[in-house]
Amino acid sequence: MGFLRRVGVFIGLAVVLALIAGCGETVLDTSKTEEALKANVGHSLETKVTSVDCPSGEKVEPGNTFTCKVALAGGKEETATLEIVNKDADVHVIELSESSQQGQ
């Protein structure tokens, strides 16, 4: 699990992930969040990320957290916990851990 601790260094996924306004609420752009997370995790872990699945409709409220499933090459799965940092929809990863549903 050494590489999981090393991920703490990449925890700066502070990119504006674009906002979508609907019914007076602002939510994260799920596809941009997934793209940014895929690139960042792949670079940080130095491995291929085959897919990322984040929930849609996450409200942009500073302090809110949500999780995304991250599939790595070779069939390994991780769970990334992200936190919304500010009203500009900047987010950062606060934890990346092995998915509890793996059969290893």
PDB file of N, CA and C in Angstrom:
ATOM      1  N   MET A   1       0.806  -1.188   0.000  1.00  0.00           N
ATOM      2  CA  MET A   1       0.000   0.000   0.000  1.00  0.00           C
ATOM      3  C   MET A   1       0.854   1.260   0.000  1.00  0.00           C
ATOM      4  N   GLY A   2       2.132   1.151  -0.271  1.00  0.00           N
ATOM      5  CA  GLY A   2       3.001   2.305  -0.291  1.00  0.00           C
ATOM      6  C   GLY A   2       2.570   3.344  -1.298  1.00  0.00           C
ATOM      7  N   PHE A   3       2.097   2.897  -2.455  1.00  0.00           N
ATOM      8  CA  PHE A   3       1.699   3.873  -3.467  1.00  0.00           C
ATOM      9  C   PHE A   3       0.468   4.654  -3.042  1.00  0.00           C
ATOM     10  N   LEU A   4      -0.372   4.074  -2.170  1.00  0.00           N
ATOM     11  CA  LEU A   4      -1.544   4.805  -1.702  1.00  0.00           C
ATOM     12  C   LEU A   4      -1.131   5.981  -0.825  1.00  0.00           C
ATOM     13  N   ARG A   5      -0.101   5.800  -0.024  1.00  0.00           N
ATOM     14  CA  ARG A   5       0.383   6.906   0.793  1.00  0.00           C
ATOM     15  C   ARG A   5       1.004   7.979  -0.080  1.00  0.00           C
ATOM     16  N   ARG A   6       1.679   7.558  -1.144  1.00  0.00           N
ATOM     17  CA  ARG A   6       2.314   8.499  -2.051  1.00  0.00           C
ATOM     18  C   ARG A   6       1.274   9.370  -2.743  1.00  0.00           C
ATOM     19  N   VAL A   7       0.058   8.857  -2.867  1.00  0.00           N
ATOM     20  CA  VAL A   7      -1.007   9.607  -3.513  1.00  0.00           C
ATOM     21  C   VAL A   7      -1.300  10.895  -2.761  1.00  0.00           C
ATOM     22  N   GLY A   8      -0.985  10.940  -1.486  1.00  0.00           N
ATOM     23  CA  GLY A   8      -1.199  12.151  -0.712  1.00  0.00           C
ATOM     24  C   GLY A   8      -0.552  13.358  -1.355  1.00  0.00           C
ATOM     25  N   VAL A   9       0.496  13.154  -2.135  1.00  0.00           N
ATOM     26  CA  VAL A   9       1.188  14.244  -2.798  1.00  0.00           C
ATOM     27  C   VAL A   9       0.348  14.804  -3.944  1.00  0.00           C
ATOM     28  N   PHE A  10      -0.420  13.979  -4.584  1.00  0.00           N
ATOM     29  CA  PHE A  10      -1.176  14.436  -5.745  1.00  0.00           C
ATOM     30  C   PHE A  10      -2.479  15.116  -5.356  1.00  0.00           C
ATOM     31  N   ILE A  11      -2.765  15.170  -4.121  1.00  0.00           N
ATOM     32  CA  ILE A  11      -4.051  15.621  -3.633  1.00  0.00           C
ATOM     33  C   ILE A  11      -4.382  17.054  -4.045  1.00  0.00           C
ATOM     34  N   GLY A  12      -3.725  17.592  -5.003  1.00  0.00           N
ATOM     35  CA  GLY A  12      -4.016  18.944  -5.452  1.00  0.00           C
ATOM     36  C   GLY A  12      -4.822  18.987  -6.727  1.00  0.00           C
ATOM     37  N   LEU A  13      -5.877  18.264  -6.795  1.00  0.00           N
ATOM     38  CA  LEU A  13      -6.748  18.268  -7.964  1.00  0.00           C
ATOM     39  C   LEU A  13      -7.593  19.529  -7.923  1.00  0.00           C
ATOM     40  N   ALA A  14      -6.928  20.671  -7.859  1.00  0.00           N
ATOM     41  CA  ALA A  14      -7.637  21.940  -7.718  1.00  0.00           C
ATOM     42  C   ALA A  14      -7.789  22.594  -9.079  1.00  0.00           C
ATOM     43  N   VAL A  15      -8.631  22.025  -9.868  1.00  0.00           N
ATOM     44  CA  VAL A  15      -8.941  22.601 -11.172  1.00  0.00           C
ATOM     45  C   VAL A  15     -10.400  22.989 -11.160  1.00  0.00           C
ATOM     46  N   VAL A  16     -10.717  24.037 -11.841  1.00  0.00           N
ATOM     47  CA  VAL A  16     -12.123  24.407 -11.931  1.00  0.00           C
ATOM     48  C   VAL A  16     -12.782  23.375 -12.832  1.00  0.00           C
ATOM     49  N   LEU A  17     -13.761  22.698 -12.293  1.00  0.00           N
ATOM     50  CA  LEU A  17     -14.368  21.580 -12.998  1.00  0.00           C
ATOM     51  C   LEU A  17     -15.644  21.953 -13.731  1.00  0.00           C
ATOM     52  N   ALA A  18     -15.847  23.191 -13.957  1.00  0.00           N
ATOM     53  CA  ALA A  18     -17.010  23.707 -14.682  1.00  0.00           C
ATOM     54  C   ALA A  18     -18.283  23.467 -13.898  1.00  0.00           C
ATOM     55  N   LEU A  19     -19.141  24.390 -13.986  1.00  0.00           N
ATOM     56  CA  LEU A  19     -20.379  24.351 -13.231  1.00  0.00           C
ATOM     57  C   LEU A  19     -21.565  24.240 -14.170  1.00  0.00           C
ATOM     58  N   ILE A  20     -22.573  23.580 -13.706  1.00  0.00           N
ATOM     59  CA  ILE A  20     -23.820  23.501 -14.451  1.00  0.00           C
ATOM     60  C   ILE A  20     -24.906  24.002 -13.510  1.00  0.00           C
ATOM     61  N   ALA A  21     -25.615  25.021 -13.936  1.00  0.00           N
ATOM     62  CA  ALA A  21     -26.682  25.573 -13.107  1.00  0.00           C
ATOM     63  C   ALA A  21     -28.005  24.928 -13.495  1.00  0.00           C
ATOM     64  N   GLY A  22     -28.785  24.584 -12.499  1.00  0.00           N
ATOM     65  CA  GLY A  22     -30.091  24.000 -12.757  1.00  0.00           C
ATOM     66  C   GLY A  22     -30.993  24.215 -11.556  1.00  0.00           C
ATOM     67  N   CYS A  23     -32.144  24.725 -11.765  1.00  0.00           N
ATOM     68  CA  CYS A  23     -33.121  24.962 -10.710  1.00  0.00           C
ATOM     69  C   CYS A  23     -32.530  25.797  -9.577  1.00  0.00           C
ATOM     70  N   GLY A  24     -31.694  26.767  -9.922  1.00  0.00           N
ATOM     71  CA  GLY A  24     -31.128  27.635  -8.909  1.00  0.00           C
ATOM     72  C   GLY A  24     -29.950  27.038  -8.159  1.00  0.00           C
ATOM     73  N   GLU A  25     -29.639  25.770  -8.395  1.00  0.00           N
ATOM     74  CA  GLU A  25     -28.516  25.124  -7.734  1.00  0.00           C
ATOM     75  C   GLU A  25     -27.384  24.949  -8.724  1.00  0.00           C
ATOM     76  N   THR A  26     -26.172  24.976  -8.207  1.00  0.00           N
ATOM     77  CA  THR A  26     -25.006  24.755  -9.050  1.00  0.00           C
ATOM     78  C   THR A  26     -24.437  23.384  -8.717  1.00  0.00           C
ATOM     79  N   VAL A  27     -24.165  22.588  -9.750  1.00  0.00           N
ATOM     80  CA  VAL A  27     -23.632  21.245  -9.546  1.00  0.00           C
ATOM     81  C   VAL A  27     -22.346  21.077 -10.352  1.00  0.00           C
ATOM     82  N   LEU A  28     -21.524  20.116  -9.921  1.00  0.00           N
ATOM     83  CA  LEU A  28     -20.284  19.825 -10.637  1.00  0.00           C
ATOM     84  C   LEU A  28     -20.574  19.201 -11.989  1.00  0.00           C
ATOM     85  N   ASP A  29     -19.710  19.453 -12.933  1.00  0.00           N
ATOM     86  CA  ASP A  29     -19.761  18.798 -14.235  1.00  0.00           C
ATOM     87  C   ASP A  29     -19.100  17.432 -14.053  1.00  0.00           C
ATOM     88  N   THR A  30     -19.911  16.385 -14.012  1.00  0.00           N
ATOM     89  CA  THR A  30     -19.420  15.039 -13.718  1.00  0.00           C
ATOM     90  C   THR A  30     -18.358  14.573 -14.703  1.00  0.00           C
ATOM     91  N   SER A  31     -18.567  14.792 -15.994  1.00  0.00           N
ATOM     92  CA  SER A  31     -17.601  14.295 -16.975  1.00  0.00           C
ATOM     93  C   SER A  31     -16.247  14.987 -16.826  1.00  0.00           C
ATOM     94  N   LYS A  32     -16.244  16.288 -16.536  1.00  0.00           N
ATOM     95  CA  LYS A  32     -14.973  16.986 -16.331  1.00  0.00           C
ATOM     96  C   LYS A  32     -14.295  16.542 -15.042  1.00  0.00           C
ATOM     97  N   THR A  33     -15.083  16.273 -14.021  1.00  0.00           N
ATOM     98  CA  THR A  33     -14.526  15.759 -12.768  1.00  0.00           C
ATOM     99  C   THR A  33     -13.859  14.412 -13.015  1.00  0.00           C
ATOM    100  N   GLU A  34     -14.539  13.534 -13.745  1.00  0.00           N
ATOM    101  CA  GLU A  34     -13.996  12.208 -14.035  1.00  0.00           C
ATOM    102  C   GLU A  34     -12.734  12.298 -14.878  1.00  0.00           C
ATOM    103  N   GLU A  35     -12.727  13.158 -15.887  1.00  0.00           N
ATOM    104  CA  GLU A  35     -11.545  13.321 -16.740  1.00  0.00           C
ATOM    105  C   GLU A  35     -10.342  13.814 -15.936  1.00  0.00           C
ATOM    106  N   ALA A  36     -10.566  14.823 -15.081  1.00  0.00           N
ATOM    107  CA  ALA A  36      -9.481  15.380 -14.278  1.00  0.00           C
ATOM    108  C   ALA A  36      -8.957  14.346 -13.281  1.00  0.00           C
ATOM    109  N   LEU A  37      -9.856  13.605 -12.650  1.00  0.00           N
ATOM    110  CA  LEU A  37      -9.453  12.584 -11.693  1.00  0.00           C
ATOM    111  C   LEU A  37      -8.684  11.463 -12.386  1.00  0.00           C
ATOM    112  N   LYS A  38      -9.138  11.056 -13.555  1.00  0.00           N
ATOM    113  CA  LYS A  38      -8.464   9.998 -14.308  1.00  0.00           C
ATOM    114  C   LYS A  38      -7.031  10.398 -14.641  1.00  0.00           C
ATOM    115  N   ALA A  39      -6.849  11.608 -15.130  1.00  0.00           N
ATOM    116  CA  ALA A  39      -5.512  12.076 -15.486  1.00  0.00           C
ATOM    117  C   ALA A  39      -4.623  12.211 -14.256  1.00  0.00           C
ATOM    118  N   ASN A  40      -5.164  12.767 -13.187  1.00  0.00           N
ATOM    119  CA  ASN A  40      -4.380  13.018 -11.989  1.00  0.00           C
ATOM    120  C   ASN A  40      -3.967  11.726 -11.290  1.00  0.00           C
ATOM    121  N   VAL A  41      -4.892  10.790 -11.134  1.00  0.00           N
ATOM    122  CA  VAL A  41      -4.575   9.516 -10.489  1.00  0.00           C
ATOM    123  C   VAL A  41      -3.591   8.724 -11.338  1.00  0.00           C
ATOM    124  N   GLY A  42      -3.821   8.679 -12.648  1.00  0.00           N
ATOM    125  CA  GLY A  42      -2.902   7.965 -13.535  1.00  0.00           C
ATOM    126  C   GLY A  42      -1.490   8.501 -13.443  1.00  0.00           C
ATOM    127  N   HIS A  43      -1.366   9.811 -13.424  1.00  0.00           N
ATOM    128  CA  HIS A  43      -0.043  10.441 -13.329  1.00  0.00           C
ATOM    129  C   HIS A  43       0.588  10.175 -11.961  1.00  0.00           C
ATOM    130  N   SER A  44      -0.182  10.319 -10.908  1.00  0.00           N
ATOM    131  CA  SER A  44       0.345  10.152  -9.554  1.00  0.00           C
ATOM    132  C   SER A  44       0.740   8.716  -9.241  1.00  0.00           C
ATOM    133  N   LEU A  45      -0.048   7.769  -9.691  1.00  0.00           N
ATOM    134  CA  LEU A  45       0.243   6.365  -9.420  1.00  0.00           C
ATOM    135  C   LEU A  45       1.128   5.731 -10.481  1.00  0.00           C
ATOM    136  N   GLU A  46       1.366   6.476 -11.551  1.00  0.00           N
ATOM    137  CA  GLU A  46       2.157   5.978 -12.678  1.00  0.00           C
ATOM    138  C   GLU A  46       1.605   4.656 -13.196  1.00  0.00           C
ATOM    139  N   THR A  47       0.289   4.641 -13.380  1.00  0.00           N
ATOM    140  CA  THR A  47      -0.386   3.476 -13.922  1.00  0.00           C
ATOM    141  C   THR A  47      -1.555   3.955 -14.772  1.00  0.00           C
ATOM    142  N   LYS A  48      -2.046   3.071 -15.616  1.00  0.00           N
ATOM    143  CA  LYS A  48      -3.175   3.434 -16.465  1.00  0.00           C
ATOM    144  C   LYS A  48      -4.475   3.330 -15.682  1.00  0.00           C
ATOM    145  N   VAL A  49      -5.281   4.366 -15.795  1.00  0.00           N
ATOM    146  CA  VAL A  49      -6.616   4.367 -15.217  1.00  0.00           C
ATOM    147  C   VAL A  49      -7.564   4.042 -16.365  1.00  0.00           C
ATOM    148  N   THR A  50      -8.298   2.950 -16.225  1.00  0.00           N
ATOM    149  CA  THR A  50      -9.177   2.536 -17.316  1.00  0.00           C
ATOM    150  C   THR A  50     -10.524   3.244 -17.287  1.00  0.00           C
ATOM    151  N   SER A  51     -11.004   3.609 -16.090  1.00  0.00           N
ATOM    152  CA  SER A  51     -12.261   4.359 -16.009  1.00  0.00           C
ATOM    153  C   SER A  51     -12.424   5.004 -14.642  1.00  0.00           C
ATOM    154  N   VAL A  52     -13.256   6.032 -14.621  1.00  0.00           N
ATOM    155  CA  VAL A  52     -13.620   6.716 -13.375  1.00  0.00           C
ATOM    156  C   VAL A  52     -15.125   6.920 -13.423  1.00  0.00           C
ATOM    157  N   ASP A  53     -15.783   6.642 -12.309  1.00  0.00           N
ATOM    158  CA  ASP A  53     -17.230   6.798 -12.226  1.00  0.00           C
ATOM    159  C   ASP A  53     -17.569   7.618 -10.990  1.00  0.00           C
ATOM    160  N   CYS A  54     -18.027   8.860 -11.233  1.00  0.00           N
ATOM    161  CA  CYS A  54     -18.426   9.765 -10.154  1.00  0.00           C
ATOM    162  C   CYS A  54     -19.932   9.979 -10.212  1.00  0.00           C
ATOM    163  N   PRO A  55     -20.548  10.255  -9.080  1.00  0.00           N
ATOM    164  CA  PRO A  55     -21.994  10.504  -9.080  1.00  0.00           C
ATOM    165  C   PRO A  55     -22.319  11.831  -9.757  1.00  0.00           C
ATOM    166  N   SER A  56     -23.483  11.911 -10.345  1.00  0.00           N
ATOM    167  CA  SER A  56     -23.905  13.163 -10.971  1.00  0.00           C
ATOM    168  C   SER A  56     -24.725  13.969  -9.974  1.00  0.00           C
ATOM    169  N   GLY A  57     -24.842  15.260 -10.254  1.00  0.00           N
ATOM    170  CA  GLY A  57     -25.683  16.119  -9.446  1.00  0.00           C
ATOM    171  C   GLY A  57     -25.086  16.570  -8.133  1.00  0.00           C
ATOM    172  N   GLU A  58     -23.761  16.476  -7.993  1.00  0.00           N
ATOM    173  CA  GLU A  58     -23.126  16.918  -6.749  1.00  0.00           C
ATOM    174  C   GLU A  58     -23.212  18.436  -6.643  1.00  0.00           C
ATOM    175  N   LYS A  59     -23.864  18.925  -5.598  1.00  0.00           N
ATOM    176  CA  LYS A  59     -24.028  20.360  -5.387  1.00  0.00           C
ATOM    177  C   LYS A  59     -22.690  20.992  -5.015  1.00  0.00           C
ATOM    178  N   VAL A  60     -22.444  22.174  -5.561  1.00  0.00           N
ATOM    179  CA  VAL A  60     -21.227  22.906  -5.254  1.00  0.00           C
ATOM    180  C   VAL A  60     -21.438  23.658  -3.944  1.00  0.00           C
ATOM    181  N   GLU A  61     -21.056  22.995  -2.868  1.00  0.00           N
ATOM    182  CA  GLU A  61     -21.109  23.575  -1.537  1.00  0.00           C
ATOM    183  C   GLU A  61     -19.786  23.256  -0.861  1.00  0.00           C
ATOM    184  N   PRO A  62     -18.980  24.291  -0.561  1.00  0.00           N
ATOM    185  CA  PRO A  62     -17.684  24.053   0.073  1.00  0.00           C
ATOM    186  C   PRO A  62     -17.816  23.136   1.291  1.00  0.00           C
ATOM    187  N   GLY A  63     -16.920  22.152   1.340  1.00  0.00           N
ATOM    188  CA  GLY A  63     -16.919  21.188   2.438  1.00  0.00           C
ATOM    189  C   GLY A  63     -17.627  19.893   2.126  1.00  0.00           C
ATOM    190  N   ASN A  64     -18.505  19.890   1.102  1.00  0.00           N
ATOM    191  CA  ASN A  64     -19.170  18.646   0.716  1.00  0.00           C
ATOM    192  C   ASN A  64     -18.147  17.645   0.210  1.00  0.00           C
ATOM    193  N   THR A  65     -18.365  16.375   0.513  1.00  0.00           N
ATOM    194  CA  THR A  65     -17.506  15.313   0.011  1.00  0.00           C
ATOM    195  C   THR A  65     -18.350  14.305  -0.766  1.00  0.00           C
ATOM    196  N   PHE A  66     -17.677  13.598  -1.675  1.00  0.00           N
ATOM    197  CA  PHE A  66     -18.327  12.535  -2.438  1.00  0.00           C
ATOM    198  C   PHE A  66     -17.259  11.556  -2.877  1.00  0.00           C
ATOM    199  N   THR A  67     -17.674  10.362  -3.297  1.00  0.00           N
ATOM    200  CA  THR A  67     -16.711   9.344  -3.708  1.00  0.00           C
ATOM    201  C   THR A  67     -16.898   8.975  -5.169  1.00  0.00           C
ATOM    202  N   CYS A  68     -15.782   8.582  -5.770  1.00  0.00           N
ATOM    203  CA  CYS A  68     -15.761   8.122  -7.152  1.00  0.00           C
ATOM    204  C   CYS A  68     -15.045   6.777  -7.192  1.00  0.00           C
ATOM    205  N   LYS A  69     -15.480   5.897  -8.067  1.00  0.00           N
ATOM    206  CA  LYS A  69     -14.820   4.617  -8.291  1.00  0.00           C
ATOM    207  C   LYS A  69     -13.772   4.812  -9.372  1.00  0.00           C
ATOM    208  N   VAL A  70     -12.576   4.314  -9.132  1.00  0.00           N
ATOM    209  CA  VAL A  70     -11.461   4.437 -10.062  1.00  0.00           C
ATOM    210  C   VAL A  70     -10.980   3.031 -10.411  1.00  0.00           C
ATOM    211  N   ALA A  71     -11.076   2.651 -11.690  1.00  0.00           N
ATOM    212  CA  ALA A  71     -10.621   1.339 -12.145  1.00  0.00           C
ATOM    213  C   ALA A  71      -9.241   1.485 -12.760  1.00  0.00           C
ATOM    214  N   LEU A  72      -8.296   0.673 -12.270  1.00  0.00           N
ATOM    215  CA  LEU A  72      -6.925   0.706 -12.759  1.00  0.00           C
ATOM    216  C   LEU A  72      -6.667  -0.480 -13.683  1.00  0.00           C
ATOM    217  N   ALA A  73      -5.625  -0.365 -14.490  1.00  0.00           N
ATOM    218  CA  ALA A  73      -5.220  -1.469 -15.362  1.00  0.00           C
ATOM    219  C   ALA A  73      -4.973  -2.701 -14.495  1.00  0.00           C
ATOM    220  N   GLY A  74      -5.324  -3.848 -14.995  1.00  0.00           N
ATOM    221  CA  GLY A  74      -5.139  -5.086 -14.258  1.00  0.00           C
ATOM    222  C   GLY A  74      -6.328  -5.452 -13.391  1.00  0.00           C
ATOM    223  N   GLY A  75      -7.380  -4.642 -13.433  1.00  0.00           N
ATOM    224  CA  GLY A  75      -8.598  -4.968 -12.717  1.00  0.00           C
ATOM    225  C   GLY A  75      -8.691  -4.446 -11.296  1.00  0.00           C
ATOM    226  N   LYS A  76      -7.685  -3.760 -10.815  1.00  0.00           N
ATOM    227  CA  LYS A  76      -7.725  -3.223  -9.457  1.00  0.00           C
ATOM    228  C   LYS A  76      -8.669  -2.021  -9.404  1.00  0.00           C
ATOM    229  N   GLU A  77      -9.405  -1.901  -8.300  1.00  0.00           N
ATOM    230  CA  GLU A  77     -10.323  -0.781  -8.126  1.00  0.00           C
ATOM    231  C   GLU A  77      -9.969   0.011  -6.874  1.00  0.00           C
ATOM    232  N   GLU A  78     -10.086   1.314  -6.989  1.00  0.00           N
ATOM    233  CA  GLU A  78      -9.836   2.229  -5.883  1.00  0.00           C
ATOM    234  C   GLU A  78     -11.083   3.082  -5.680  1.00  0.00           C
ATOM    235  N   THR A  79     -11.207   3.646  -4.496  1.00  0.00           N
ATOM    236  CA  THR A  79     -12.258   4.598  -4.198  1.00  0.00           C
ATOM    237  C   THR A  79     -11.594   5.920  -3.851  1.00  0.00           C
ATOM    238  N   ALA A  80     -11.944   6.972  -4.584  1.00  0.00           N
ATOM    239  CA  ALA A  80     -11.404   8.305  -4.324  1.00  0.00           C
ATOM    240  C   ALA A  80     -12.480   9.127  -3.622  1.00  0.00           C
ATOM    241  N   THR A  81     -12.099   9.729  -2.503  1.00  0.00           N
ATOM    242  CA  THR A  81     -12.993  10.638  -1.793  1.00  0.00           C
ATOM    243  C   THR A  81     -12.534  12.045  -2.108  1.00  0.00           C
ATOM    244  N   LEU A  82     -13.438  12.848  -2.663  1.00  0.00           N
ATOM    245  CA  LEU A  82     -13.123  14.221  -3.051  1.00  0.00           C
ATOM    246  C   LEU A  82     -13.899  15.193  -2.183  1.00  0.00           C
ATOM    247  N   GLU A  83     -13.315  16.381  -1.989  1.00  0.00           N
ATOM    248  CA  GLU A  83     -13.975  17.439  -1.234  1.00  0.00           C
ATOM    249  C   GLU A  83     -14.078  18.682  -2.109  1.00  0.00           C
ATOM    250  N   ILE A  84     -15.229  19.317  -2.087  1.00  0.00           N
ATOM    251  CA  ILE A  84     -15.411  20.581  -2.795  1.00  0.00           C
ATOM    252  C   ILE A  84     -14.804  21.673  -1.919  1.00  0.00           C
ATOM    253  N   VAL A  85     -13.845  22.401  -2.490  1.00  0.00           N
ATOM    254  CA  VAL A  85     -13.076  23.374  -1.720  1.00  0.00           C
ATOM    255  C   VAL A  85     -13.754  24.730  -1.627  1.00  0.00           C
ATOM    256  N   ASN A  86     -14.359  25.185  -2.730  1.00  0.00           N
ATOM    257  CA  ASN A  86     -14.916  26.541  -2.743  1.00  0.00           C
ATOM    258  C   ASN A  86     -16.088  26.644  -3.721  1.00  0.00           C
ATOM    259  N   LYS A  87     -16.668  27.824  -3.798  1.00  0.00           N
ATOM    260  CA  LYS A  87     -17.822  28.049  -4.676  1.00  0.00           C
ATOM    261  C   LYS A  87     -17.452  28.023  -6.154  1.00  0.00           C
ATOM    262  N   ASP A  88     -16.136  28.063  -6.456  1.00  0.00           N
ATOM    263  CA  ASP A  88     -15.689  27.974  -7.844  1.00  0.00           C
ATOM    264  C   ASP A  88     -15.622  26.529  -8.324  1.00  0.00           C
ATOM    265  N   ALA A  89     -16.010  25.590  -7.472  1.00  0.00           N
ATOM    266  CA  ALA A  89     -16.034  24.155  -7.772  1.00  0.00           C
ATOM    267  C   ALA A  89     -14.650  23.543  -7.864  1.00  0.00           C
ATOM    268  N   ASP A  90     -13.671  24.140  -7.184  1.00  0.00           N
ATOM    269  CA  ASP A  90     -12.373  23.483  -7.073  1.00  0.00           C
ATOM    270  C   ASP A  90     -12.549  22.307  -6.115  1.00  0.00           C
ATOM    271  N   VAL A  91     -11.931  21.189  -6.451  1.00  0.00           N
ATOM    272  CA  VAL A  91     -12.015  20.008  -5.593  1.00  0.00           C
ATOM    273  C   VAL A  91     -10.614  19.475  -5.344  1.00  0.00           C
ATOM    274  N   HIS A  92     -10.482  18.702  -4.269  1.00  0.00           N
ATOM    275  CA  HIS A  92      -9.238  17.976  -4.059  1.00  0.00           C
ATOM    276  C   HIS A  92      -9.568  16.600  -3.497  1.00  0.00           C
ATOM    277  N   VAL A  93      -8.658  15.676  -3.752  1.00  0.00           N
ATOM    278  CA  VAL A  93      -8.825  14.313  -3.273  1.00  0.00           C
ATOM    279  C   VAL A  93      -8.331  14.278  -1.831  1.00  0.00           C
ATOM    280  N   ILE A  94      -9.182  13.798  -0.938  1.00  0.00           N
ATOM    281  CA  ILE A  94      -8.764  13.701   0.450  1.00  0.00           C
ATOM    282  C   ILE A  94      -8.366  12.279   0.827  1.00  0.00           C
ATOM    283  N   GLU A  95      -8.748  11.307  -0.009  1.00  0.00           N
ATOM    284  CA  GLU A  95      -8.360   9.928   0.259  1.00  0.00           C
ATOM    285  C   GLU A  95      -8.491   9.106  -1.014  1.00  0.00           C
ATOM    286  N   LEU A  96      -7.559   8.184  -1.181  1.00  0.00           N
ATOM    287  CA  LEU A  96      -7.629   7.199  -2.254  1.00  0.00           C
ATOM    288  C   LEU A  96      -7.320   5.865  -1.606  1.00  0.00           C
ATOM    289  N   SER A  97      -8.284   4.966  -1.639  1.00  0.00           N
ATOM    290  CA  SER A  97      -8.094   3.689  -0.958  1.00  0.00           C
ATOM    291  C   SER A  97      -8.594   2.549  -1.832  1.00  0.00           C
ATOM    292  N   GLU A  98      -8.109   1.343  -1.485  1.00  0.00           N
ATOM    293  CA  GLU A  98      -8.550   0.162  -2.223  1.00  0.00           C
ATOM    294  C   GLU A  98     -10.027  -0.024  -2.006  1.00  0.00           C
ATOM    295  N   SER A  99     -10.713  -0.385  -3.077  1.00  0.00           N
ATOM    296  CA  SER A  99     -12.150  -0.602  -2.993  1.00  0.00           C
ATOM    297  C   SER A  99     -12.402  -1.831  -2.125  1.00  0.00           C
ATOM    298  N   SER A 100     -13.344  -1.740  -1.207  1.00  0.00           N
ATOM    299  CA  SER A 100     -13.648  -2.836  -0.291  1.00  0.00           C
ATOM    300  C   SER A 100     -14.333  -3.993  -0.993  1.00  0.00           C
ATOM    301  N   GLN A 101     -14.745  -3.815  -2.242  1.00  0.00           N
ATOM    302  CA  GLN A 101     -15.442  -4.871  -2.968  1.00  0.00           C
ATOM    303  C   GLN A 101     -14.509  -5.774  -3.742  1.00  0.00           C
ATOM    304  N   GLN A 102     -13.202  -5.538  -3.625  1.00  0.00           N
ATOM    305  CA  GLN A 102     -12.252  -6.387  -4.340  1.00  0.00           C
ATOM    306  C   GLN A 102     -12.147  -7.728  -3.663  1.00  0.00           C
ATOM    307  N   GLY A 103     -11.935  -8.722  -4.443  1.00  0.00           N
ATOM    308  CA  GLY A 103     -11.818 -10.078  -3.913  1.00  0.00           C
ATOM    309  C   GLY A 103     -10.380 -10.526  -3.807  1.00  0.00           C
ATOM    310  N   GLN A 104      -9.500  -9.735  -3.195  1.00  0.00           N
ATOM    311  CA  GLN A 104      -8.093 -10.131  -3.045  1.00  0.00           C
ATOM    312  C   GLN A 104      -7.764 -10.503  -1.635  1.00  0.00           C
TER     313      GLN A 104
END
